[in-house]
Amino acid sequence: MSKEQFQSVVAEVTGAIKGRALDADLHAFLEETFPPDGEAIGAIRAACDAAIEEGWMCDQEYGGIKFGRVIKDLDGFSVDVVQIDNLAGPHHRHPKGEIDLVMPIDGDAKFDGNGKGWVVYGADTAHNPTVTGGAALVLYLLPDGEIEFTRS
């Protein structure tokens, strides 16, 4: 799994959502167009698993969280992938919003209380990204790559 192959897999999603507002309508669109158990999400998950096994994804670690920015710009989004196991990550703000694809490693793992599937945070939201109930991979799409780490 090369970075170019990974980018090609994720581009199906980013191409479909570029220019859209990060809101409840986008969440509904993602769930309908790219359902958690659908082919596109299966391909993204398989690509993440292969890239992690090859050692180039989630290749940084801090405080028990494995992470990495995989793509700096794809249709106006940066793409980060994080592996978290029953931890809260560092507090941060999303100046332009954040789109998350939650992929549990352990069946009942939840990200910010959400199971497998999509989470959409609008502009100027903030949180401590938290995984409970086991381990999960979370793919983050950040408009223009914008994120501000803050104190909670």
Protein backbone atom coordinates (compact mmCIF):
# COMPACT_ATOMS: atom_id res chain seq x y z
CA MET A 1 0.00 0.00 0.00
CA SER A 2 1.77 3.13 -1.19
CA LYS A 3 0.83 6.65 -0.12
CA GLU A 4 -0.39 7.25 -3.67
CA GLN A 5 -2.66 4.19 -3.50
CA PHE A 6 -3.99 5.34 -0.12
CA GLN A 7 -4.65 8.81 -1.51
CA SER A 8 -6.58 7.31 -4.41
CA VAL A 9 -8.83 5.37 -2.01
CA VAL A 10 -9.57 8.41 0.19
CA ALA A 11 -10.08 10.71 -2.82
CA GLU A 12 -13.42 9.06 -3.53
CA VAL A 13 -14.70 10.61 -0.30
CA THR A 14 -12.90 13.97 -0.44
CA GLY A 15 -13.91 14.51 -4.05
CA ALA A 16 -17.56 13.98 -3.13
CA ILE A 17 -17.52 16.42 -0.21
CA LYS A 18 -15.19 19.22 -1.28
CA GLY A 19 -16.80 22.62 -0.93
CA ARG A 20 -19.64 21.39 1.28
CA ALA A 21 -20.50 22.91 4.65
CA LEU A 22 -19.50 20.82 7.66
CA ASP A 23 -22.92 20.30 9.22
CA ALA A 24 -25.68 17.75 9.85
CA ASP A 25 -26.49 17.58 6.12
CA LEU A 26 -22.90 16.55 5.39
CA HIS A 27 -23.07 13.90 8.11
CA ALA A 28 -26.25 12.47 6.57
CA PHE A 29 -24.68 12.57 3.09
CA LEU A 30 -21.58 10.70 4.28
CA GLU A 31 -23.60 8.04 6.12
CA GLU A 32 -25.79 7.48 3.06
CA THR A 33 -23.15 7.72 0.34
CA PHE A 34 -20.29 6.05 2.23
CA PRO A 35 -22.00 3.81 4.81
CA PRO A 36 -19.80 2.36 7.56
CA ASP A 37 -20.19 -1.19 6.23
CA GLY A 38 -19.95 -0.20 2.58
CA GLU A 39 -17.31 -0.93 -0.03
CA ALA A 40 -15.56 2.48 0.11
CA ILE A 41 -15.12 2.39 3.89
CA GLY A 42 -13.96 -1.23 3.69
CA ALA A 43 -11.32 -0.14 1.18
CA ILE A 44 -10.20 2.75 3.42
CA ARG A 45 -9.96 0.43 6.43
CA ALA A 46 -7.99 -2.18 4.47
CA ALA A 47 -5.66 0.54 3.18
CA CYS A 48 -5.08 1.84 6.72
CA ASP A 49 -4.41 -1.64 8.06
CA ALA A 50 -1.91 -2.34 5.26
CA ALA A 51 -0.14 1.02 5.69
CA ILE A 52 0.15 0.56 9.46
CA GLU A 53 1.55 -2.93 8.96
CA GLU A 54 4.07 -1.51 6.46
CA GLY A 55 5.09 1.06 9.08
CA TRP A 56 4.44 4.37 7.33
CA MET A 57 1.03 5.19 8.83
CA CYS A 58 0.57 6.01 12.53
CA ASP A 59 4.36 6.03 12.72
CA GLN A 60 4.54 8.66 15.46
CA GLU A 61 3.53 8.13 19.07
CA TYR A 62 2.86 10.41 21.99
CA GLY A 63 1.18 9.48 25.25
CA GLY A 64 0.07 6.11 23.93
CA ILE A 65 -1.57 7.61 20.83
CA LYS A 66 -0.19 6.61 17.44
CA PHE A 67 -0.74 9.17 14.70
CA GLY A 68 0.46 10.84 11.56
CA ARG A 69 -0.51 13.30 8.85
CA VAL A 70 -0.72 11.10 5.79
CA ILE A 71 -1.75 13.68 3.17
CA LYS A 72 -1.21 17.44 3.41
CA ASP A 73 -3.81 18.41 0.80
CA LEU A 74 -6.44 16.31 -0.94
CA ASP A 75 -9.34 18.29 -2.36
CA GLY A 76 -8.75 20.96 0.30
CA PHE A 77 -8.45 18.53 3.24
CA SER A 78 -5.49 17.23 5.15
CA VAL A 79 -5.77 13.55 6.05
CA ASP A 80 -4.55 12.29 9.42
CA VAL A 81 -4.94 8.79 10.84
CA VAL A 82 -4.82 8.17 14.58
CA GLN A 83 -4.89 4.92 16.57
CA ILE A 84 -6.23 5.37 20.10
CA ASP A 85 -6.95 2.74 22.75
CA ASN A 86 -9.13 3.90 25.66
CA LEU A 87 -7.54 7.34 25.90
CA ALA A 88 -8.35 11.00 25.61
CA GLY A 89 -6.17 12.91 23.18
CA PRO A 90 -4.98 16.49 23.43
CA HIS A 91 -7.61 19.22 23.43
CA HIS A 92 -7.88 21.04 20.14
CA ARG A 93 -10.04 23.45 18.19
CA HIS A 94 -11.27 23.08 14.62
CA PRO A 95 -11.23 26.55 13.02
CA LYS A 96 -12.98 25.22 9.90
CA GLY A 97 -14.39 21.98 11.31
CA GLU A 98 -13.36 18.34 11.30
CA ILE A 99 -14.71 15.19 9.66
CA ASP A 100 -13.91 11.89 11.35
CA LEU A 101 -14.28 8.33 10.14
CA VAL A 102 -14.42 6.02 13.16
CA MET A 103 -13.13 2.51 12.50
CA PRO A 104 -13.23 0.39 15.68
CA ILE A 105 -10.46 -2.12 16.13
CA ASP A 106 -12.34 -3.57 19.09
CA GLY A 107 -16.02 -4.07 18.24
CA ASP A 108 -17.52 -1.69 20.78
CA ALA A 109 -14.92 1.09 20.65
CA LYS A 110 -16.41 4.55 20.43
CA PHE A 111 -14.92 7.90 19.47
CA ASP A 112 -16.43 10.78 21.42
CA GLY A 113 -19.38 8.48 22.12
CA ASN A 114 -19.84 7.54 18.44
CA GLY A 115 -19.40 4.04 17.06
CA LYS A 116 -18.36 2.97 13.57
CA GLY A 117 -19.07 5.60 10.95
CA TRP A 118 -18.88 9.34 10.47
CA VAL A 119 -18.66 12.25 12.90
CA VAL A 120 -18.79 15.85 11.67
CA TYR A 121 -17.73 18.82 13.77
CA GLY A 122 -18.58 22.28 12.48
CA ALA A 123 -16.31 25.29 12.38
CA ASP A 124 -15.00 26.67 15.68
CA THR A 125 -15.71 23.51 17.68
CA ALA A 126 -13.27 21.95 20.14
CA HIS A 127 -12.82 18.71 22.06
CA ASN A 128 -10.51 16.17 23.64
CA PRO A 129 -10.78 13.32 21.12
CA THR A 130 -11.63 10.33 23.29
CA VAL A 131 -11.86 6.64 22.51
CA THR A 132 -13.65 4.37 24.98
CA GLY A 133 -14.55 0.69 24.93
CA GLY A 134 -11.36 -0.46 23.22
CA ALA A 135 -9.11 0.64 20.40
CA ALA A 136 -10.09 2.50 17.23
CA LEU A 137 -8.58 4.01 14.14
CA VAL A 138 -9.87 7.46 13.34
CA LEU A 139 -9.30 9.11 9.98
CA TYR A 140 -9.48 12.90 10.28
CA LEU A 141 -10.24 15.23 7.39
CA LEU A 142 -9.36 18.82 8.27
CA PRO A 143 -10.35 21.63 5.89
CA ASP A 144 -7.13 23.35 4.79
CA GLY A 145 -5.32 21.24 7.41
CA GLU A 146 -6.35 23.67 10.14
CA ILE A 147 -6.19 22.57 13.75
CA GLU A 148 -5.24 24.48 16.90
CA PHE A 149 -4.05 22.59 19.93
CA THR A 150 -5.38 24.30 23.05
CA ARG A 151 -5.85 23.77 26.75
CA SER A 152 -9.18 22.34 27.80
